[in-house]
Amino acid sequence: MPEGDTLWRTAARLRPALVGREVVAVETPRAVGPAASPGERIVEVRAVGKHLLVDCSGGSTLRTHLRMTGSWHLYRPGERWRKPRHRLVARIAVAEWEAVCFSAPIVEWCSTRSLAQRSGPLGHLGPDLCRADSAAPEVVSDCVDRMSMLDPGTPIGDVLLDQRVACGVGNVYRSEVCWAERIHPWTPLDRVAPEHRTRLVACAGRLLRANLGPGRRTTVSGGLAVYGRRGAPCPRCGATVESGVGGALGRVASWCPQCQPPPGRG
């Protein structure tokens, strides 16, 4: 799935083209729920965790979750699309632009009001670590408290991916955060002290918020510390970075075997 910063960047790219403008056409061929109508205006384009939301003046919101396959593009009217039309899952056109979503597996129209309710489609999410106010101690504490809902044997790498705890962290950041805090990603939750849990959440938010602007994603000078760097030297100690599949989610993580000794060692 994309990281939270990817969704924030996408929203930032779409917002100037769409917000405040009148809708001239809407296509959502496989979406559930009543769609917005031409003549309405786009009120806001925003990201909440891994969800991209387009709020319309009639009280409906288009919600997309991109997962690994989806993407949003911006085109001028008549401009050739970079992906084939049969992959279209959503299109919102205004006079000067059309925003097109391709291949997203989740596309639905829902009540804008329902999105703010605990019973709504986003009600299960933890705090969004991309938000500036997520650095507040009470927000970090809330995320740590939410960890207690999980099985104590859950690997901490999987805990960081759990959007019920905090939303925004994906596979890249869970590896980078665990490296920054010197914790192996397969360490069981009950072996991570409360103060270390707090540091992990704070670090995740700090790294996400540092990457909301343009340019390539970086967590250390020059790029990333361990993610995608299997076989390369650790930027902190020089040991060879390793990676592997683990946890209940069966997803790849990367780590430094010297800085982050595996559970049961060190």
Protein backbone atom coordinates (compact mmCIF):
# COMPACT_ATOMS: atom_id res chain seq x y z
CA MET A 1 0.00 0.00 0.00
CA PRO A 2 1.19 3.57 -0.52
CA GLU A 3 2.57 5.47 2.43
CA GLY A 4 0.55 8.26 4.01
CA ASP A 5 2.88 10.90 2.59
CA THR A 6 2.11 9.67 -0.92
CA LEU A 7 -1.60 10.34 -0.37
CA TRP A 8 -0.88 13.79 1.09
CA ARG A 9 1.21 14.65 -1.96
CA THR A 10 -1.56 13.40 -4.26
CA ALA A 11 -4.15 15.53 -2.47
CA ALA A 12 -1.83 18.55 -2.65
CA ARG A 13 -1.47 18.06 -6.41
CA LEU A 14 -5.21 17.71 -7.04
CA ARG A 15 -6.36 20.48 -4.69
CA PRO A 16 -5.36 23.57 -6.73
CA ALA A 17 -6.93 22.12 -9.87
CA LEU A 18 -10.25 21.11 -8.31
CA VAL A 19 -11.17 22.96 -5.13
CA GLY A 20 -13.74 25.70 -5.60
CA ARG A 21 -14.50 24.71 -9.17
CA GLU A 22 -17.78 23.52 -10.61
CA VAL A 23 -18.09 19.88 -11.57
CA VAL A 24 -18.90 19.44 -15.26
CA ALA A 25 -18.73 15.63 -15.45
CA VAL A 26 -18.46 12.65 -13.10
CA GLU A 27 -17.67 9.02 -13.95
CA THR A 28 -17.47 6.35 -11.28
CA PRO A 29 -18.62 3.22 -13.13
CA ARG A 30 -18.09 0.71 -10.34
CA ALA A 31 -18.54 2.89 -7.27
CA VAL A 32 -21.25 2.28 -4.71
CA GLY A 33 -23.40 5.11 -3.36
CA PRO A 34 -25.02 8.14 -5.02
CA ALA A 35 -22.50 10.21 -6.97
CA ALA A 36 -22.13 13.98 -6.99
CA SER A 37 -23.86 15.76 -9.86
CA PRO A 38 -22.62 18.25 -12.44
CA GLY A 39 -23.14 21.77 -11.15
CA GLU A 40 -21.89 20.99 -7.64
CA ARG A 41 -18.57 22.43 -6.52
CA ILE A 42 -15.51 20.68 -5.13
CA VAL A 43 -15.21 21.75 -1.50
CA GLU A 44 -11.98 19.99 -0.55
CA VAL A 45 -9.51 17.31 -1.58
CA ARG A 46 -7.86 15.66 1.40
CA ALA A 47 -5.98 12.61 2.55
CA VAL A 48 -6.80 10.66 5.69
CA GLY A 49 -4.30 7.89 6.21
CA LYS A 50 -4.34 5.81 3.03
CA HIS A 51 -7.67 7.27 1.83
CA LEU A 52 -8.04 10.05 -0.75
CA LEU A 53 -11.26 12.04 -0.27
CA VAL A 54 -12.96 14.49 -2.65
CA ASP A 55 -15.70 16.46 -0.84
CA CYS A 56 -18.50 17.95 -2.94
CA SER A 57 -20.93 20.74 -2.12
CA GLY A 58 -23.97 18.48 -2.25
CA GLY A 59 -22.80 16.63 0.86
CA SER A 60 -21.19 13.60 -0.77
CA THR A 61 -17.56 12.54 -0.76
CA LEU A 62 -15.72 10.30 -3.20
CA ARG A 63 -13.48 7.95 -1.22
CA THR A 64 -10.71 5.99 -2.92
CA HIS A 65 -8.16 3.62 -1.43
CA LEU A 66 -5.31 3.05 -3.86
CA ARG A 67 -3.63 0.04 -2.23
CA MET A 68 -0.85 -1.23 -4.51
CA THR A 69 -2.53 -0.68 -7.87
CA GLY A 70 -4.33 2.66 -7.85
CA SER A 71 -3.19 6.12 -8.89
CA TRP A 72 -4.68 9.58 -9.48
CA HIS A 73 -3.71 11.61 -12.54
CA LEU A 74 -4.43 15.18 -13.65
CA TYR A 75 -5.04 16.01 -17.30
CA ARG A 76 -6.09 18.98 -19.36
CA PRO A 77 -9.30 18.42 -21.36
CA GLY A 78 -8.44 16.38 -24.45
CA GLU A 79 -4.98 15.47 -23.22
CA ARG A 80 -3.98 11.86 -23.87
CA TRP A 81 -4.17 9.67 -20.78
CA ARG A 82 -1.12 7.72 -19.70
CA LYS A 83 -3.20 4.66 -18.82
CA PRO A 84 -5.93 2.86 -20.79
CA ARG A 85 -9.55 3.88 -20.30
CA HIS A 86 -10.63 0.41 -19.17
CA ARG A 87 -8.65 0.97 -15.97
CA LEU A 88 -10.66 4.08 -15.09
CA VAL A 89 -12.49 3.82 -11.78
CA ALA A 90 -13.22 7.51 -11.20
CA ARG A 91 -13.16 10.73 -13.18
CA ILE A 92 -14.11 14.20 -11.99
CA ALA A 93 -13.92 16.94 -14.57
CA VAL A 94 -14.01 20.69 -14.09
CA ALA A 95 -13.66 23.32 -16.81
CA GLU A 96 -9.84 23.32 -17.00
CA TRP A 97 -8.87 19.94 -15.57
CA GLU A 98 -9.97 16.36 -15.20
CA ALA A 99 -8.80 14.20 -12.30
CA VAL A 100 -8.76 10.52 -13.20
CA CYS A 101 -8.24 7.59 -10.86
CA PHE A 102 -7.04 4.32 -12.34
CA SER A 103 -7.15 0.81 -10.89
CA ALA A 104 -8.00 1.70 -7.28
CA PRO A 105 -9.70 -1.32 -5.68
CA ILE A 106 -11.91 0.76 -3.35
CA VAL A 107 -14.08 3.52 -4.83
CA GLU A 108 -17.25 4.68 -3.11
CA TRP A 109 -19.49 7.68 -2.65
CA CYS A 110 -20.50 8.33 0.92
CA SER A 111 -21.97 11.09 3.05
CA THR A 112 -19.33 13.66 3.98
CA ARG A 113 -20.90 13.86 7.42
CA SER A 114 -20.55 10.11 7.95
CA LEU A 115 -16.78 10.30 7.53
CA ALA A 116 -16.49 12.22 10.79
CA GLN A 117 -18.52 9.65 12.72
CA ARG A 118 -17.08 6.73 14.64
CA SER A 119 -19.53 4.42 12.88
CA GLY A 120 -18.49 5.72 9.46
CA PRO A 121 -16.08 4.14 6.98
CA LEU A 122 -13.07 5.89 8.55
CA GLY A 123 -14.17 5.59 12.18
CA HIS A 124 -11.81 2.72 12.92
CA LEU A 125 -8.68 4.67 12.01
CA GLY A 126 -6.17 5.92 14.52
CA PRO A 127 -4.68 9.43 14.37
CA ASP A 128 -3.21 10.46 11.03
CA LEU A 129 0.51 10.89 11.62
CA CYS A 130 0.87 13.18 8.61
CA ARG A 131 -1.12 15.89 10.36
CA ALA A 132 0.90 18.59 12.09
CA ASP A 133 -1.10 18.21 15.29
CA SER A 134 -0.21 14.50 15.52
CA ALA A 135 3.08 15.53 17.14
CA ALA A 136 1.16 16.54 20.28
CA PRO A 137 1.99 14.30 23.29
CA GLU A 138 -1.67 13.42 23.81
CA VAL A 139 -1.98 12.18 20.23
CA VAL A 140 1.15 10.06 20.50
CA SER A 141 -0.16 8.71 23.80
CA ASP A 142 -3.47 7.81 22.14
CA CYS A 143 -1.62 5.79 19.50
CA VAL A 144 0.36 3.95 22.17
CA ASP A 145 -2.84 3.20 24.09
CA ARG A 146 -4.37 1.76 20.92
CA MET A 147 -1.56 -0.77 20.75
CA SER A 148 -3.05 -2.46 23.81
CA MET A 149 -5.98 -3.59 21.60
CA LEU A 150 -3.65 -5.90 19.71
CA ASP A 151 -2.35 -9.37 20.48
CA PRO A 152 0.79 -8.91 22.61
CA GLY A 153 2.65 -11.34 20.36
CA THR A 154 2.11 -9.18 17.27
CA PRO A 155 5.45 -8.18 15.71
CA ILE A 156 6.08 -4.49 16.22
CA GLY A 157 6.50 -4.08 12.46
CA ASP A 158 2.93 -5.27 11.97
CA VAL A 159 1.75 -3.00 14.79
CA LEU A 160 3.15 0.00 12.96
CA LEU A 161 1.23 -1.00 9.82
CA ASP A 162 -2.05 -1.35 11.70
CA GLN A 163 -4.10 1.70 10.72
CA ARG A 164 -6.26 1.29 13.84
CA VAL A 165 -3.22 2.32 15.88
CA ALA A 166 -2.12 5.23 13.70
CA CYS A 167 -2.63 5.79 10.01
CA GLY A 168 -0.05 6.70 7.44
CA VAL A 169 2.72 4.16 8.01
CA GLY A 170 3.41 1.72 5.17
CA ASN A 171 6.13 -0.79 4.45
CA VAL A 172 8.82 1.83 3.82
CA TYR A 173 8.32 3.73 7.05
CA ARG A 174 7.94 0.71 9.30
CA SER A 175 11.43 -0.41 8.23
CA GLU A 176 12.89 3.07 8.56
CA VAL A 177 11.26 3.75 11.95
CA CYS A 178 12.40 0.44 13.42
CA TRP A 179 15.92 1.13 12.18
CA ALA A 180 15.90 4.65 13.65
CA GLU A 181 14.85 3.28 17.06
CA ARG A 182 17.12 0.20 16.89
CA ILE A 183 14.28 -2.31 17.20
CA HIS A 184 13.99 -5.41 15.02
CA PRO A 185 10.67 -5.39 13.10
CA TRP A 186 9.78 -8.92 14.24
CA THR A 187 10.09 -8.09 17.95
CA PRO A 188 6.82 -9.04 19.72
CA LEU A 189 4.80 -6.10 21.00
CA ASP A 190 4.99 -7.29 24.61
CA ARG A 191 8.80 -7.07 24.43
CA VAL A 192 8.73 -3.42 23.40
CA ALA A 193 8.71 -1.20 26.48
CA PRO A 194 6.10 1.58 26.70
CA GLU A 195 8.72 4.29 26.31
CA HIS A 196 10.01 2.61 23.15
CA ARG A 197 6.47 2.40 21.77
CA THR A 198 6.14 6.12 22.33
CA ARG A 199 9.41 6.79 20.53
CA LEU A 200 8.36 4.61 17.57
CA VAL A 201 5.09 6.52 17.09
CA ALA A 202 6.79 9.90 17.48
CA CYS A 203 9.51 8.90 15.02
CA ALA A 204 6.96 7.64 12.46
CA GLY A 205 5.11 10.95 12.58
CA ARG A 206 8.30 12.97 12.36
CA LEU A 207 9.53 11.10 9.27
CA LEU A 208 6.16 11.20 7.53
CA ARG A 209 5.70 14.93 8.11
CA ALA A 210 9.23 15.63 6.86
CA ASN A 211 8.31 14.08 3.51
CA LEU A 212 5.05 15.83 2.65
CA GLY A 213 6.69 18.25 0.24
CA PRO A 214 8.14 17.70 -3.23
CA GLY A 215 11.28 15.71 -3.89
CA ARG A 216 12.26 12.15 -3.19
CA ARG A 217 11.53 10.54 0.13
CA THR A 218 14.41 10.67 2.60
CA THR A 219 14.85 9.52 6.17
CA VAL A 220 18.64 9.88 6.42
CA SER A 221 21.12 11.99 4.51
CA GLY A 222 21.07 10.82 0.91
CA GLY A 223 17.88 8.74 0.96
CA LEU A 224 16.63 5.78 2.98
CA ALA A 225 18.50 3.91 5.71
CA VAL A 226 17.48 0.30 5.10
CA TYR A 227 14.34 -0.06 2.98
CA GLY A 228 15.22 -1.37 -0.47
CA ARG A 229 18.93 -1.50 0.50
CA ARG A 230 19.47 -5.20 1.08
CA GLY A 231 23.17 -5.99 0.81
CA ALA A 232 24.20 -2.34 1.21
CA PRO A 233 26.03 -1.00 4.27
CA CYS A 234 24.03 0.35 7.18
CA PRO A 235 24.54 4.14 7.25
CA ARG A 236 25.02 4.01 11.02
CA CYS A 237 27.36 1.06 11.65
CA GLY A 238 28.36 -0.28 8.23
CA ALA A 239 26.93 -3.77 8.71
CA THR A 240 25.19 -5.35 5.73
CA VAL A 241 21.47 -4.56 5.56
CA GLU A 242 19.19 -7.60 5.52
CA SER A 243 15.57 -8.08 4.53
CA GLY A 244 12.99 -10.81 4.75
CA VAL A 245 9.33 -11.73 4.89
CA GLY A 246 7.78 -12.10 8.32
CA GLY A 247 4.94 -11.27 10.64
CA ALA A 248 1.31 -12.21 10.23
CA LEU A 249 1.02 -9.97 7.18
CA GLY A 250 3.79 -11.76 5.32
CA ARG A 251 5.37 -8.58 4.03
CA VAL A 252 9.00 -7.70 3.44
CA ALA A 253 10.89 -5.61 5.99
CA SER A 254 14.50 -4.47 6.05
CA TRP A 255 16.85 -4.03 9.02
CA CYS A 256 20.45 -3.84 10.17
CA PRO A 257 21.46 -7.05 11.99
CA GLN A 258 24.00 -5.15 14.11
CA CYS A 259 21.88 -2.15 15.12
CA GLN A 260 18.67 -4.17 15.40
CA PRO A 261 19.41 -7.57 16.89
CA PRO A 262 16.55 -10.02 16.29
CA PRO A 263 14.29 -11.13 19.16
CA GLY A 264 16.12 -13.45 21.52
CA ARG A 265 19.51 -11.91 20.77
CA GLY A 266 21.16 -8.92 22.28
